[in-house]
Amino acid sequence: METPADKFMDELRNVIADAEELLRVTSDQTGPKVQEVRARAEESLRNAREHLQGAGRQLDAQVRQNPWAAVGIAAGMGLLVGVLMGPK
């Protein structure tokens, strides 16, 4: 079962991959404004990738330190989603 956090991380990875592909596809575009935007986009991607890796390491460490808390949180979130999506 994919948790909301997993889904968010997957979507963030997809955004990063799409942005990298866009930078590759537009690499032949020239001009000072294009170069400025490309530089900002590359810096943003670099920062996002570092934050994503850091968050993954931190989450992994937390789960390893508190495995039962992680299971309880996942079960609670599953119950909450089930209640919210259940018949009304």
N, C-alpha and C. Protein backbone atom coordinates (compact mmCIF):
# COMPACT_ATOMS: atom_id res chain seq x y z
N MET A 1 0.84 -1.18 0.00
CA MET A 1 0.00 0.00 0.00
C MET A 1 0.89 1.24 0.00
N GLU A 2 0.64 2.12 -0.93
CA GLU A 2 1.45 3.33 -1.05
C GLU A 2 0.86 4.41 -0.16
N THR A 3 1.69 4.96 0.72
CA THR A 3 1.24 6.00 1.63
C THR A 3 1.21 7.34 0.91
N PRO A 4 0.50 8.32 1.46
CA PRO A 4 0.51 9.65 0.85
C PRO A 4 1.92 10.23 0.73
N ALA A 5 2.76 9.97 1.71
CA ALA A 5 4.14 10.48 1.65
C ALA A 5 4.90 9.83 0.49
N ASP A 6 4.69 8.52 0.30
CA ASP A 6 5.32 7.82 -0.83
C ASP A 6 4.83 8.40 -2.15
N LYS A 7 3.53 8.63 -2.23
CA LYS A 7 2.94 9.18 -3.45
C LYS A 7 3.52 10.56 -3.74
N PHE A 8 3.63 11.40 -2.70
CA PHE A 8 4.19 12.74 -2.85
C PHE A 8 5.63 12.66 -3.34
N MET A 9 6.42 11.77 -2.74
CA MET A 9 7.82 11.63 -3.14
C MET A 9 7.92 11.15 -4.58
N ASP A 10 7.05 10.22 -4.99
CA ASP A 10 7.05 9.76 -6.38
C ASP A 10 6.71 10.89 -7.33
N GLU A 11 5.71 11.69 -6.96
CA GLU A 11 5.33 12.82 -7.82
C GLU A 11 6.46 13.84 -7.91
N LEU A 12 7.14 14.09 -6.79
CA LEU A 12 8.27 15.02 -6.80
C LEU A 12 9.39 14.49 -7.69
N ARG A 13 9.66 13.19 -7.62
CA ARG A 13 10.67 12.60 -8.50
C ARG A 13 10.28 12.76 -9.96
N ASN A 14 8.99 12.58 -10.26
CA ASN A 14 8.51 12.74 -11.63
C ASN A 14 8.67 14.18 -12.11
N VAL A 15 8.38 15.14 -11.24
CA VAL A 15 8.55 16.56 -11.60
C VAL A 15 10.01 16.84 -11.90
N ILE A 16 10.90 16.34 -11.06
CA ILE A 16 12.33 16.55 -11.27
C ILE A 16 12.77 15.92 -12.60
N ALA A 17 12.32 14.70 -12.86
CA ALA A 17 12.69 14.03 -14.11
C ALA A 17 12.15 14.79 -15.32
N ASP A 18 10.91 15.27 -15.22
CA ASP A 18 10.33 16.04 -16.33
C ASP A 18 11.10 17.34 -16.56
N ALA A 19 11.48 18.01 -15.49
CA ALA A 19 12.23 19.26 -15.62
C ALA A 19 13.60 19.00 -16.23
N GLU A 20 14.24 17.91 -15.81
CA GLU A 20 15.54 17.57 -16.41
C GLU A 20 15.39 17.28 -17.90
N GLU A 21 14.33 16.57 -18.27
CA GLU A 21 14.09 16.27 -19.69
C GLU A 21 13.84 17.56 -20.46
N LEU A 22 13.07 18.47 -19.89
CA LEU A 22 12.82 19.76 -20.54
C LEU A 22 14.11 20.53 -20.76
N LEU A 23 15.00 20.51 -19.77
CA LEU A 23 16.29 21.18 -19.93
C LEU A 23 17.11 20.53 -21.05
N ARG A 24 17.07 19.21 -21.13
CA ARG A 24 17.81 18.52 -22.20
C ARG A 24 17.24 18.86 -23.58
N VAL A 25 15.92 18.85 -23.70
CA VAL A 25 15.27 19.10 -24.98
C VAL A 25 15.51 20.53 -25.46
N THR A 26 15.58 21.47 -24.54
CA THR A 26 15.75 22.87 -24.91
C THR A 26 17.20 23.33 -24.85
N SER A 27 18.13 22.38 -24.80
CA SER A 27 19.54 22.75 -24.66
C SER A 27 20.07 23.53 -25.86
N ASP A 28 19.43 23.40 -27.02
CA ASP A 28 19.91 24.12 -28.20
C ASP A 28 19.37 25.55 -28.28
N GLN A 29 18.49 25.92 -27.38
CA GLN A 29 17.96 27.29 -27.35
C GLN A 29 19.04 28.22 -26.80
N THR A 30 19.15 29.41 -27.40
CA THR A 30 20.17 30.36 -26.97
C THR A 30 19.54 31.69 -26.62
N GLY A 31 20.36 32.56 -26.11
CA GLY A 31 19.92 33.90 -25.74
C GLY A 31 20.15 34.12 -24.26
N PRO A 32 20.37 35.36 -23.87
CA PRO A 32 20.68 35.64 -22.46
C PRO A 32 19.54 35.28 -21.52
N LYS A 33 18.30 35.54 -21.92
CA LYS A 33 17.17 35.24 -21.05
C LYS A 33 17.01 33.73 -20.88
N VAL A 34 17.17 32.99 -21.97
CA VAL A 34 17.06 31.52 -21.91
C VAL A 34 18.15 30.95 -21.00
N GLN A 35 19.36 31.47 -21.15
CA GLN A 35 20.47 30.98 -20.32
C GLN A 35 20.22 31.28 -18.84
N GLU A 36 19.66 32.44 -18.56
CA GLU A 36 19.36 32.82 -17.17
C GLU A 36 18.31 31.88 -16.58
N VAL A 37 17.25 31.61 -17.34
CA VAL A 37 16.19 30.73 -16.87
C VAL A 37 16.72 29.30 -16.69
N ARG A 38 17.54 28.85 -17.64
CA ARG A 38 18.12 27.51 -17.53
C ARG A 38 18.99 27.40 -16.28
N ALA A 39 19.79 28.41 -16.00
CA ALA A 39 20.66 28.38 -14.82
C ALA A 39 19.83 28.31 -13.54
N ARG A 40 18.76 29.11 -13.48
CA ARG A 40 17.89 29.07 -12.29
C ARG A 40 17.21 27.71 -12.16
N ALA A 41 16.74 27.16 -13.28
CA ALA A 41 16.07 25.86 -13.25
C ALA A 41 17.04 24.76 -12.80
N GLU A 42 18.26 24.80 -13.31
CA GLU A 42 19.25 23.80 -12.91
C GLU A 42 19.57 23.90 -11.43
N GLU A 43 19.68 25.12 -10.91
CA GLU A 43 19.94 25.31 -9.48
C GLU A 43 18.76 24.81 -8.65
N SER A 44 17.55 25.10 -9.08
CA SER A 44 16.36 24.63 -8.37
C SER A 44 16.30 23.11 -8.37
N LEU A 45 16.60 22.49 -9.50
CA LEU A 45 16.61 21.03 -9.58
C LEU A 45 17.67 20.43 -8.66
N ARG A 46 18.83 21.05 -8.64
CA ARG A 46 19.91 20.56 -7.77
C ARG A 46 19.47 20.63 -6.30
N ASN A 47 18.87 21.75 -5.91
CA ASN A 47 18.38 21.89 -4.53
C ASN A 47 17.27 20.90 -4.21
N ALA A 48 16.33 20.73 -5.14
CA ALA A 48 15.22 19.80 -4.92
C ALA A 48 15.75 18.37 -4.76
N ARG A 49 16.72 17.98 -5.61
CA ARG A 49 17.29 16.65 -5.52
C ARG A 49 17.98 16.44 -4.18
N GLU A 50 18.72 17.44 -3.71
CA GLU A 50 19.41 17.33 -2.42
C GLU A 50 18.41 17.21 -1.28
N HIS A 51 17.35 18.02 -1.32
CA HIS A 51 16.33 17.95 -0.27
C HIS A 51 15.61 16.60 -0.29
N LEU A 52 15.34 16.11 -1.47
CA LEU A 52 14.66 14.82 -1.61
C LEU A 52 15.52 13.70 -1.03
N GLN A 53 16.80 13.72 -1.35
CA GLN A 53 17.71 12.70 -0.82
C GLN A 53 17.83 12.83 0.70
N GLY A 54 17.93 14.06 1.20
CA GLY A 54 18.02 14.27 2.64
C GLY A 54 16.76 13.82 3.36
N ALA A 55 15.60 14.11 2.78
CA ALA A 55 14.34 13.70 3.39
C ALA A 55 14.23 12.18 3.41
N GLY A 56 14.67 11.54 2.35
CA GLY A 56 14.63 10.08 2.30
C GLY A 56 15.52 9.46 3.36
N ARG A 57 16.72 9.99 3.53
CA ARG A 57 17.63 9.47 4.56
C ARG A 57 17.05 9.69 5.95
N GLN A 58 16.49 10.88 6.17
CA GLN A 58 15.92 11.19 7.47
C GLN A 58 14.72 10.30 7.77
N LEU A 59 13.85 10.10 6.80
CA LEU A 59 12.69 9.23 6.98
C LEU A 59 13.12 7.80 7.25
N ASP A 60 14.11 7.33 6.52
CA ASP A 60 14.62 5.97 6.73
C ASP A 60 15.16 5.82 8.15
N ALA A 61 15.92 6.81 8.61
CA ALA A 61 16.48 6.74 9.96
C ALA A 61 15.38 6.74 11.02
N GLN A 62 14.35 7.57 10.83
CA GLN A 62 13.25 7.62 11.79
C GLN A 62 12.50 6.30 11.85
N VAL A 63 12.24 5.71 10.69
CA VAL A 63 11.52 4.43 10.66
C VAL A 63 12.35 3.34 11.32
N ARG A 64 13.66 3.34 11.07
CA ARG A 64 14.53 2.33 11.69
C ARG A 64 14.61 2.50 13.20
N GLN A 65 14.56 3.74 13.69
CA GLN A 65 14.61 3.98 15.12
C GLN A 65 13.29 3.66 15.80
N ASN A 66 12.18 3.88 15.10
CA ASN A 66 10.86 3.70 15.68
C ASN A 66 9.95 2.90 14.74
N PRO A 67 10.24 1.63 14.52
CA PRO A 67 9.46 0.89 13.53
C PRO A 67 7.99 0.74 13.91
N TRP A 68 7.70 0.53 15.18
CA TRP A 68 6.30 0.35 15.58
C TRP A 68 5.52 1.65 15.48
N ALA A 69 6.17 2.76 15.72
CA ALA A 69 5.49 4.05 15.55
C ALA A 69 5.16 4.27 14.08
N ALA A 70 6.07 3.89 13.20
CA ALA A 70 5.82 4.02 11.77
C ALA A 70 4.65 3.15 11.34
N VAL A 71 4.59 1.92 11.87
CA VAL A 71 3.48 1.02 11.55
C VAL A 71 2.17 1.60 12.08
N GLY A 72 2.21 2.15 13.29
CA GLY A 72 1.00 2.74 13.87
C GLY A 72 0.52 3.95 13.08
N ILE A 73 1.43 4.79 12.65
CA ILE A 73 1.06 5.96 11.86
C ILE A 73 0.46 5.53 10.53
N ALA A 74 1.09 4.56 9.88
CA ALA A 74 0.57 4.06 8.60
C ALA A 74 -0.82 3.45 8.78
N ALA A 75 -1.01 2.68 9.85
CA ALA A 75 -2.32 2.08 10.11
C ALA A 75 -3.37 3.16 10.39
N GLY A 76 -2.99 4.15 11.18
CA GLY A 76 -3.91 5.25 11.48
C GLY A 76 -4.30 6.03 10.23
N MET A 77 -3.34 6.28 9.36
CA MET A 77 -3.64 6.99 8.12
C MET A 77 -4.55 6.15 7.23
N GLY A 78 -4.29 4.84 7.18
CA GLY A 78 -5.14 3.95 6.40
C GLY A 78 -6.57 3.93 6.92
N LEU A 79 -6.72 3.91 8.25
CA LEU A 79 -8.04 3.94 8.86
C LEU A 79 -8.74 5.25 8.55
N LEU A 80 -8.03 6.36 8.67
CA LEU A 80 -8.61 7.67 8.38
C LEU A 80 -9.06 7.77 6.93
N VAL A 81 -8.23 7.32 6.01
CA VAL A 81 -8.60 7.36 4.59
C VAL A 81 -9.82 6.46 4.34
N GLY A 82 -9.83 5.28 4.99
CA GLY A 82 -10.96 4.37 4.86
C GLY A 82 -12.26 4.98 5.36
N VAL A 83 -12.20 5.67 6.49
CA VAL A 83 -13.39 6.31 7.05
C VAL A 83 -13.85 7.45 6.14
N LEU A 84 -12.91 8.24 5.66
CA LEU A 84 -13.27 9.36 4.79
C LEU A 84 -13.84 8.92 3.44
N MET A 85 -13.35 7.80 2.92
CA MET A 85 -13.78 7.34 1.62
C MET A 85 -14.94 6.34 1.70
N GLY A 86 -15.29 5.93 2.90
CA GLY A 86 -16.35 4.95 3.08
C GLY A 86 -17.72 5.51 2.72
N PRO A 87 -18.74 4.64 2.74
CA PRO A 87 -20.09 5.09 2.40
C PRO A 87 -20.58 6.13 3.40
N LYS A 88 -21.35 7.06 2.90
CA LYS A 88 -21.85 8.14 3.76
C LYS A 88 -23.32 8.05 3.96
